[in-house]
Every structure is written in C-alpha cells, then in structure tokens.
C-alpha cells in the first residue's frame, strides 16, 4: 500500500517531535549563511538516499553531513600525499 502525503507528513512531524533541534550542529542561521555557498553536484540516487537517511539518523542537516564527509575525505587525501 502506498503512503499518502498526509501519512508522510505525520511521520515527518513525529520525527521532528522526537528530535526538536534537528540542526543543532549547524550553529546560528546567520553564521550558516555567512561563509557558505550552494554547490550542486550530480550523485547516484541510491547514494543521495543513504545520505539523507544518515543525516536524519544523526539529527543533522544533509548539508552538514556532506560537509563533514567531504572534509574528512579530503583530509585523508592530503595526509596520503604528504607521506
């Protein structure tokens, strides 16, 4: 059976109630926008879905999750190059 938009909305609202400060790790809104820039990339749909689920599980924004993952990956590459 397919979920209706009302059912999806209820599930989303229930998740928000369990985790009221979903974006607690992002800092104040003014700080978020001050040094951030939009960056569009094309990724496999399955990877996007995994990332979205991971962000919800970690109670952080998708942007923050991608920022942390990309930063960690690039840090690892820099360490390899400096060897």
PDB file of N, CA and C in Angstrom:
ATOM      1  N   UNK A   1       0.842  -1.185   0.000  1.00  0.00           N
ATOM      2  CA  UNK A   1       0.000   0.000   0.000  1.00  0.00           C
ATOM      3  C   UNK A   1       0.887   1.248   0.000  1.00  0.00           C
ATOM      4  N   UNK A   2       0.548   2.202  -0.794  1.00  0.00           N
ATOM      5  CA  UNK A   2       1.333   3.423  -0.918  1.00  0.00           C
ATOM      6  C   UNK A   2       0.948   4.418   0.175  1.00  0.00           C
ATOM      7  N   UNK A   3       1.957   5.064   0.740  1.00  0.00           N
ATOM      8  CA  UNK A   3       1.712   6.077   1.753  1.00  0.00           C
ATOM      9  C   UNK A   3       1.114   7.321   1.109  1.00  0.00           C
ATOM     10  N   UNK A   4       0.195   7.925   1.795  1.00  0.00           N
ATOM     11  CA  UNK A   4      -0.349   9.187   1.315  1.00  0.00           C
ATOM     12  C   UNK A   4       0.541  10.313   1.809  1.00  0.00           C
ATOM     13  N   UNK A   5       0.373  11.472   1.222  1.00  0.00           N
ATOM     14  CA  UNK A   5       1.167  12.618   1.662  1.00  0.00           C
ATOM     15  C   UNK A   5       0.846  12.972   3.110  1.00  0.00           C
ATOM     16  N   UNK A   6      -0.389  12.759   3.542  1.00  0.00           N
ATOM     17  CA  UNK A   6      -0.751  13.034   4.942  1.00  0.00           C
ATOM     18  C   UNK A   6      -0.012  12.093   5.885  1.00  0.00           C
ATOM     19  N   UNK A   7       0.124  10.826   5.499  1.00  0.00           N
ATOM     20  CA  UNK A   7       0.857   9.858   6.328  1.00  0.00           C
ATOM     21  C   UNK A   7       2.336  10.210   6.396  1.00  0.00           C
ATOM     22  N   UNK A   8       2.903  10.602   5.265  1.00  0.00           N
ATOM     23  CA  UNK A   8       4.313  11.010   5.259  1.00  0.00           C
ATOM     24  C   UNK A   8       4.523  12.245   6.128  1.00  0.00           C
ATOM     25  N   UNK A   9       3.596  13.181   6.055  1.00  0.00           N
ATOM     26  CA  UNK A   9       3.673  14.398   6.857  1.00  0.00           C
ATOM     27  C   UNK A   9       3.600  14.053   8.345  1.00  0.00           C
ATOM     28  N   UNK A  10       2.714  13.128   8.732  1.00  0.00           N
ATOM     29  CA  UNK A  10       2.600  12.711  10.123  1.00  0.00           C
ATOM     30  C   UNK A  10       3.889  12.063  10.603  1.00  0.00           C
ATOM     31  N   UNK A  11       4.490  11.215   9.781  1.00  0.00           N
ATOM     32  CA  UNK A  11       5.756  10.583  10.151  1.00  0.00           C
ATOM     33  C   UNK A  11       6.857  11.620  10.309  1.00  0.00           C
ATOM     34  N   UNK A  12       6.910  12.583   9.396  1.00  0.00           N
ATOM     35  CA  UNK A  12       7.917  13.642   9.478  1.00  0.00           C
ATOM     36  C   UNK A  12       7.731  14.459  10.754  1.00  0.00           C
ATOM     37  N   UNK A  13       6.485  14.804  11.063  1.00  0.00           N
ATOM     38  CA  UNK A  13       6.203  15.580  12.267  1.00  0.00           C
ATOM     39  C   UNK A  13       6.568  14.798  13.526  1.00  0.00           C
ATOM     40  N   UNK A  14       6.324  13.505  13.519  1.00  0.00           N
ATOM     41  CA  UNK A  14       6.682  12.666  14.669  1.00  0.00           C
ATOM     42  C   UNK A  14       8.194  12.636  14.851  1.00  0.00           C
ATOM     43  N   UNK A  15       8.950  12.548  13.758  1.00  0.00           N
ATOM     44  CA  UNK A  15      10.421  12.575  13.855  1.00  0.00           C
ATOM     45  C   UNK A  15      10.892  13.904  14.416  1.00  0.00           C
ATOM     46  N   UNK A  16      10.280  14.983  13.984  1.00  0.00           N
ATOM     47  CA  UNK A  16      10.671  16.299  14.472  1.00  0.00           C
ATOM     48  C   UNK A  16      10.381  16.461  15.954  1.00  0.00           C
ATOM     49  N   UNK A  17       9.288  15.862  16.425  1.00  0.00           N
ATOM     50  CA  UNK A  17       8.964  15.946  17.848  1.00  0.00           C
ATOM     51  C   UNK A  17       9.981  15.174  18.678  1.00  0.00           C
ATOM     52  N   UNK A  18      10.445  14.036  18.170  1.00  0.00           N
ATOM     53  CA  UNK A  18      11.454  13.255  18.884  1.00  0.00           C
ATOM     54  C   UNK A  18      12.785  13.985  18.904  1.00  0.00           C
ATOM     55  N   UNK A  19      13.045  14.772  17.884  1.00  0.00           N
ATOM     56  CA  UNK A  19      14.311  15.476  17.763  1.00  0.00           C
ATOM     57  C   UNK A  19      14.033  16.935  17.401  1.00  0.00           C
ATOM     58  N   UNK A  20      13.647  17.743  18.398  1.00  0.00           N
ATOM     59  CA  UNK A  20      13.219  19.110  18.092  1.00  0.00           C
ATOM     60  C   UNK A  20      14.300  19.995  17.505  1.00  0.00           C
ATOM     61  N   UNK A  21      15.552  19.775  17.835  1.00  0.00           N
ATOM     62  CA  UNK A  21      16.615  20.627  17.303  1.00  0.00           C
ATOM     63  C   UNK A  21      17.423  19.846  16.280  1.00  0.00           C
ATOM     64  N   UNK A  22      16.790  19.502  15.175  1.00  0.00           N
ATOM     65  CA  UNK A  22      17.413  18.677  14.149  1.00  0.00           C
ATOM     66  C   UNK A  22      18.728  19.252  13.656  1.00  0.00           C
ATOM     67  N   UNK A  23      18.820  20.556  13.609  1.00  0.00           N
ATOM     68  CA  UNK A  23      20.001  21.181  13.043  1.00  0.00           C
ATOM     69  C   UNK A  23      20.850  21.824  14.129  1.00  0.00           C
ATOM     70  N   UNK A  24      20.920  21.160  15.269  1.00  0.00           N
ATOM     71  CA  UNK A  24      21.634  21.722  16.397  1.00  0.00           C
ATOM     72  C   UNK A  24      23.119  21.920  16.116  1.00  0.00           C
ATOM     73  N   UNK A  25      23.679  21.182  15.207  1.00  0.00           N
ATOM     74  CA  UNK A  25      25.112  21.251  14.940  1.00  0.00           C
ATOM     75  C   UNK A  25      25.472  22.310  13.906  1.00  0.00           C
ATOM     76  N   UNK A  26      24.490  22.977  13.358  1.00  0.00           N
ATOM     77  CA  UNK A  26      24.757  23.926  12.285  1.00  0.00           C
ATOM     78  C   UNK A  26      25.024  25.345  12.759  1.00  0.00           C
ATOM     79  N   UNK A  27      24.799  25.628  14.026  1.00  0.00           N
ATOM     80  CA  UNK A  27      25.040  26.973  14.529  1.00  0.00           C
ATOM     81  C   UNK A  27      23.926  27.919  14.149  1.00  0.00           C
ATOM     82  N   UNK A  28      24.072  29.178  14.537  1.00  0.00           N
ATOM     83  CA  UNK A  28      23.034  30.171  14.238  1.00  0.00           C
ATOM     84  C   UNK A  28      22.827  30.351  12.738  1.00  0.00           C
ATOM     85  N   UNK A  29      21.612  30.709  12.377  1.00  0.00           N
ATOM     86  CA  UNK A  29      21.279  30.856  10.954  1.00  0.00           C
ATOM     87  C   UNK A  29      22.170  31.866  10.263  1.00  0.00           C
ATOM     88  N   UNK A  30      22.474  32.980  10.920  1.00  0.00           N
ATOM     89  CA  UNK A  30      23.305  33.996  10.285  1.00  0.00           C
ATOM     90  C   UNK A  30      24.716  33.469  10.029  1.00  0.00           C
ATOM     91  N   UNK A  31      25.222  32.660  10.946  1.00  0.00           N
ATOM     92  CA  UNK A  31      26.548  32.065  10.776  1.00  0.00           C
ATOM     93  C   UNK A  31      26.533  31.034   9.647  1.00  0.00           C
ATOM     94  N   UNK A  32      25.420  30.300   9.517  1.00  0.00           N
ATOM     95  CA  UNK A  32      25.287  29.298   8.457  1.00  0.00           C
ATOM     96  C   UNK A  32      25.485  29.929   7.092  1.00  0.00           C
ATOM     97  N   UNK A  33      24.834  31.028   6.848  1.00  0.00           N
ATOM     98  CA  UNK A  33      24.838  31.637   5.530  1.00  0.00           C
ATOM     99  C   UNK A  33      26.071  32.495   5.269  1.00  0.00           C
ATOM    100  N   UNK A  34      26.713  32.981   6.300  1.00  0.00           N
ATOM    101  CA  UNK A  34      27.810  33.931   6.141  1.00  0.00           C
ATOM    102  C   UNK A  34      28.945  33.388   5.287  1.00  0.00           C
ATOM    103  N   UNK A  35      29.371  32.170   5.546  1.00  0.00           N
ATOM    104  CA  UNK A  35      30.527  31.634   4.831  1.00  0.00           C
ATOM    105  C   UNK A  35      30.181  30.400   3.997  1.00  0.00           C
ATOM    106  N   UNK A  36      28.933  30.227   3.682  1.00  0.00           N
ATOM    107  CA  UNK A  36      28.506  29.056   2.919  1.00  0.00           C
ATOM    108  C   UNK A  36      28.037  29.465   1.534  1.00  0.00           C
ATOM    109  N   UNK A  37      28.171  28.532   0.623  1.00  0.00           N
ATOM    110  CA  UNK A  37      27.786  28.780  -0.761  1.00  0.00           C
ATOM    111  C   UNK A  37      27.132  27.514  -1.295  1.00  0.00           C
ATOM    112  N   UNK A  38      26.130  27.654  -2.117  1.00  0.00           N
ATOM    113  CA  UNK A  38      25.468  26.494  -2.704  1.00  0.00           C
ATOM    114  C   UNK A  38      26.383  25.857  -3.738  1.00  0.00           C
ATOM    115  N   UNK A  39      26.389  24.521  -3.759  1.00  0.00           N
ATOM    116  CA  UNK A  39      27.264  23.772  -4.648  1.00  0.00           C
ATOM    117  C   UNK A  39      26.493  22.542  -5.127  1.00  0.00           C
ATOM    118  N   UNK A  40      26.080  22.545  -6.365  1.00  0.00           N
ATOM    119  CA  UNK A  40      25.265  21.455  -6.893  1.00  0.00           C
ATOM    120  C   UNK A  40      26.137  20.399  -7.551  1.00  0.00           C
ATOM    121  N   UNK A  41      25.864  19.149  -7.225  1.00  0.00           N
ATOM    122  CA  UNK A  41      26.565  18.027  -7.842  1.00  0.00           C
ATOM    123  C   UNK A  41      25.543  16.957  -8.208  1.00  0.00           C
ATOM    124  N   UNK A  42      25.884  16.113  -9.136  1.00  0.00           N
ATOM    125  CA  UNK A  42      25.035  15.002  -9.522  1.00  0.00           C
ATOM    126  C   UNK A  42      25.601  13.745  -8.890  1.00  0.00           C
ATOM    127  N   UNK A  43      24.756  13.036  -8.140  1.00  0.00           N
ATOM    128  CA  UNK A  43      25.155  11.825  -7.438  1.00  0.00           C
ATOM    129  C   UNK A  43      24.155  10.719  -7.742  1.00  0.00           C
ATOM    130  N   UNK A  44      24.582   9.467  -7.589  1.00  0.00           N
ATOM    131  CA  UNK A  44      23.625   8.367  -7.778  1.00  0.00           C
ATOM    132  C   UNK A  44      22.467   8.483  -6.779  1.00  0.00           C
ATOM    133  N   UNK A  45      21.279   8.168  -7.245  1.00  0.00           N
ATOM    134  CA  UNK A  45      20.082   8.295  -6.419  1.00  0.00           C
ATOM    135  C   UNK A  45      20.205   7.489  -5.125  1.00  0.00           C
ATOM    136  N   UNK A  46      20.784   6.305  -5.195  1.00  0.00           N
ATOM    137  CA  UNK A  46      20.927   5.468  -4.003  1.00  0.00           C
ATOM    138  C   UNK A  46      21.843   6.127  -2.967  1.00  0.00           C
ATOM    139  N   UNK A  47      22.893   6.794  -3.419  1.00  0.00           N
ATOM    140  CA  UNK A  47      23.804   7.484  -2.506  1.00  0.00           C
ATOM    141  C   UNK A  47      23.109   8.667  -1.836  1.00  0.00           C
ATOM    142  N   UNK A  48      22.324   9.392  -2.589  1.00  0.00           N
ATOM    143  CA  UNK A  48      21.568  10.514  -2.028  1.00  0.00           C
ATOM    144  C   UNK A  48      20.614  10.013  -0.949  1.00  0.00           C
ATOM    145  N   UNK A  49      19.942   8.931  -1.238  1.00  0.00           N
ATOM    146  CA  UNK A  49      19.004   8.364  -0.262  1.00  0.00           C
ATOM    147  C   UNK A  49      19.725   7.948   1.015  1.00  0.00           C
ATOM    148  N   UNK A  50      20.875   7.284   0.862  1.00  0.00           N
ATOM    149  CA  UNK A  50      21.663   6.880   2.040  1.00  0.00           C
ATOM    150  C   UNK A  50      22.094   8.088   2.847  1.00  0.00           C
ATOM    151  N   UNK A  51      22.531   9.134   2.164  1.00  0.00           N
ATOM    152  CA  UNK A  51      22.983  10.343   2.846  1.00  0.00           C
ATOM    153  C   UNK A  51      21.832  11.012   3.594  1.00  0.00           C
ATOM    154  N   UNK A  52      20.679  11.073   2.977  1.00  0.00           N
ATOM    155  CA  UNK A  52      19.522  11.682   3.632  1.00  0.00           C
ATOM    156  C   UNK A  52      19.142  10.912   4.891  1.00  0.00           C
ATOM    157  N   UNK A  53      19.136   9.594   4.793  1.00  0.00           N
ATOM    158  CA  UNK A  53      18.808   8.772   5.959  1.00  0.00           C
ATOM    159  C   UNK A  53      19.853   8.933   7.055  1.00  0.00           C
ATOM    160  N   UNK A  54      21.113   8.984   6.675  1.00  0.00           N
ATOM    161  CA  UNK A  54      22.180   9.161   7.668  1.00  0.00           C
ATOM    162  C   UNK A  54      22.052  10.508   8.357  1.00  0.00           C
ATOM    163  N   UNK A  55      21.716  11.541   7.616  1.00  0.00           N
ATOM    164  CA  UNK A  55      21.554  12.874   8.211  1.00  0.00           C
ATOM    165  C   UNK A  55      20.428  12.876   9.234  1.00  0.00           C
ATOM    166  N   UNK A  56      19.316  12.250   8.891  1.00  0.00           N
ATOM    167  CA  UNK A  56      18.196  12.162   9.834  1.00  0.00           C
ATOM    168  C   UNK A  56      18.618  11.368  11.065  1.00  0.00           C
ATOM    169  N   UNK A  57      19.289  10.238  10.862  1.00  0.00           N
ATOM    170  CA  UNK A  57      19.731   9.405  11.984  1.00  0.00           C
ATOM    171  C   UNK A  57      20.679  10.147  12.908  1.00  0.00           C
ATOM    172  N   UNK A  58      21.504  11.025  12.342  1.00  0.00           N
ATOM    173  CA  UNK A  58      22.479  11.779  13.134  1.00  0.00           C
ATOM    174  C   UNK A  58      21.931  13.123  13.610  1.00  0.00           C
ATOM    175  N   UNK A  59      20.666  13.376  13.332  1.00  0.00           N
ATOM    176  CA  UNK A  59      19.996  14.648  13.653  1.00  0.00           C
ATOM    177  C   UNK A  59      20.818  15.858  13.207  1.00  0.00           C
ATOM    178  N   UNK A  60      21.218  15.828  11.952  1.00  0.00           N
ATOM    179  CA  UNK A  60      21.923  16.970  11.370  1.00  0.00           C
ATOM    180  C   UNK A  60      21.381  17.213   9.972  1.00  0.00           C
ATOM    181  N   UNK A  61      21.663  18.371   9.457  1.00  0.00           N
ATOM    182  CA  UNK A  61      21.201  18.681   8.107  1.00  0.00           C
ATOM    183  C   UNK A  61      22.008  17.868   7.090  1.00  0.00           C
ATOM    184  N   UNK A  62      21.419  17.677   5.941  1.00  0.00           N
ATOM    185  CA  UNK A  62      22.117  16.987   4.859  1.00  0.00           C
ATOM    186  C   UNK A  62      23.365  17.765   4.465  1.00  0.00           C
ATOM    187  N   UNK A  63      23.259  19.082   4.445  1.00  0.00           N
ATOM    188  CA  UNK A  63      24.423  19.904   4.110  1.00  0.00           C
ATOM    189  C   UNK A  63      25.576  19.662   5.068  1.00  0.00           C
ATOM    190  N   UNK A  64      25.268  19.590   6.365  1.00  0.00           N
ATOM    191  CA  UNK A  64      26.314  19.377   7.370  1.00  0.00           C
ATOM    192  C   UNK A  64      26.938  17.989   7.214  1.00  0.00           C
ATOM    193  N   UNK A  65      26.115  16.973   6.965  1.00  0.00           N
ATOM    194  CA  UNK A  65      26.626  15.621   6.775  1.00  0.00           C
ATOM    195  C   UNK A  65      27.585  15.570   5.589  1.00  0.00           C
ATOM    196  N   UNK A  66      27.186  16.172   4.472  1.00  0.00           N
ATOM    197  CA  UNK A  66      28.032  16.181   3.272  1.00  0.00           C
ATOM    198  C   UNK A  66      29.309  16.978   3.538  1.00  0.00           C
ATOM    199  N   UNK A  67      29.190  18.096   4.241  1.00  0.00           N
ATOM    200  CA  UNK A  67      30.360  18.899   4.586  1.00  0.00           C
ATOM    201  C   UNK A  67      31.370  18.083   5.396  1.00  0.00           C
ATOM    202  N   UNK A  68      30.890  17.374   6.416  1.00  0.00           N
ATOM    203  CA  UNK A  68      31.783  16.569   7.254  1.00  0.00           C
ATOM    204  C   UNK A  68      32.414  15.419   6.465  1.00  0.00           C
ATOM    205  N   UNK A  69      31.612  14.753   5.643  1.00  0.00           N
ATOM    206  CA  UNK A  69      32.121  13.621   4.867  1.00  0.00           C
ATOM    207  C   UNK A  69      33.165  14.076   3.842  1.00  0.00           C
ATOM    208  N   UNK A  70      32.886  15.140   3.136  1.00  0.00           N
ATOM    209  CA  UNK A  70      33.815  15.641   2.132  1.00  0.00           C
ATOM    210  C   UNK A  70      35.098  16.141   2.785  1.00  0.00           C
ATOM    211  N   UNK A  71      34.958  16.834   3.889  1.00  0.00           N
ATOM    212  CA  UNK A  71      36.125  17.340   4.603  1.00  0.00           C
ATOM    213  C   UNK A  71      37.014  16.188   5.094  1.00  0.00           C
ATOM    214  N   UNK A  72      36.389  15.160   5.661  1.00  0.00           N
ATOM    215  CA  UNK A  72      37.154  14.005   6.148  1.00  0.00           C
ATOM    216  C   UNK A  72      37.869  13.304   4.989  1.00  0.00           C
ATOM    217  N   UNK A  73      37.190  13.166   3.871  1.00  0.00           N
ATOM    218  CA  UNK A  73      37.805  12.513   2.708  1.00  0.00           C
ATOM    219  C   UNK A  73      38.997  13.320   2.186  1.00  0.00           C
ATOM    220  N   UNK A  74      38.814  14.623   2.052  1.00  0.00           N
ATOM    221  CA  UNK A  74      39.905  15.472   1.549  1.00  0.00           C
ATOM    222  C   UNK A  74      41.074  15.517   2.533  1.00  0.00           C
ATOM    223  N   UNK A  75      40.799  15.520   3.840  1.00  0.00           N
ATOM    224  CA  UNK A  75      41.870  15.461   4.839  1.00  0.00           C
ATOM    225  C   UNK A  75      42.685  14.184   4.679  1.00  0.00           C
ATOM    226  N   UNK A  76      41.984  13.068   4.434  1.00  0.00           N
ATOM    227  CA  UNK A  76      42.673  11.798   4.224  1.00  0.00           C
ATOM    228  C   UNK A  76      43.556  11.820   2.986  1.00  0.00           C
ATOM    229  N   UNK A  77      43.074  12.422   1.913  1.00  0.00           N
ATOM    230  CA  UNK A  77      43.872  12.534   0.692  1.00  0.00           C
ATOM    231  C   UNK A  77      45.119  13.376   0.915  1.00  0.00           C
ATOM    232  N   UNK A  78      44.975  14.466   1.658  1.00  0.00           N
ATOM    233  CA  UNK A  78      46.125  15.325   1.943  1.00  0.00           C
ATOM    234  C   UNK A  78      47.175  14.597   2.782  1.00  0.00           C
ATOM    235  N   UNK A  79      46.725  13.799   3.729  1.00  0.00           N
ATOM    236  CA  UNK A  79      47.676  13.024   4.553  1.00  0.00           C
ATOM    237  C   UNK A  79      48.454  12.020   3.714  1.00  0.00           C
ATOM    238  N   UNK A  80      47.737  11.369   2.771  1.00  0.00           N
ATOM    239  CA  UNK A  80      48.399  10.400   1.890  1.00  0.00           C
ATOM    240  C   UNK A  80      49.462  11.085   1.034  1.00  0.00           C
ATOM    241  N   UNK A  81      49.166  12.269   0.536  1.00  0.00           N
ATOM    242  CA  UNK A  81      50.110  12.989  -0.317  1.00  0.00           C
ATOM    243  C   UNK A  81      51.347  13.467   0.429  1.00  0.00           C
ATOM    244  N   UNK A  82      51.176  13.744   1.719  1.00  0.00           N
ATOM    245  CA  UNK A  82      52.297  14.280   2.492  1.00  0.00           C
ATOM    246  C   UNK A  82      53.236  13.189   2.997  1.00  0.00           C
ATOM    247  N   UNK A  83      52.940  11.939   2.722  1.00  0.00           N
ATOM    248  CA  UNK A  83      53.799  10.833   3.181  1.00  0.00           C
ATOM    249  C   UNK A  83      55.021  10.700   2.346  1.00  0.00           C
TER     250      UNK A  83
END
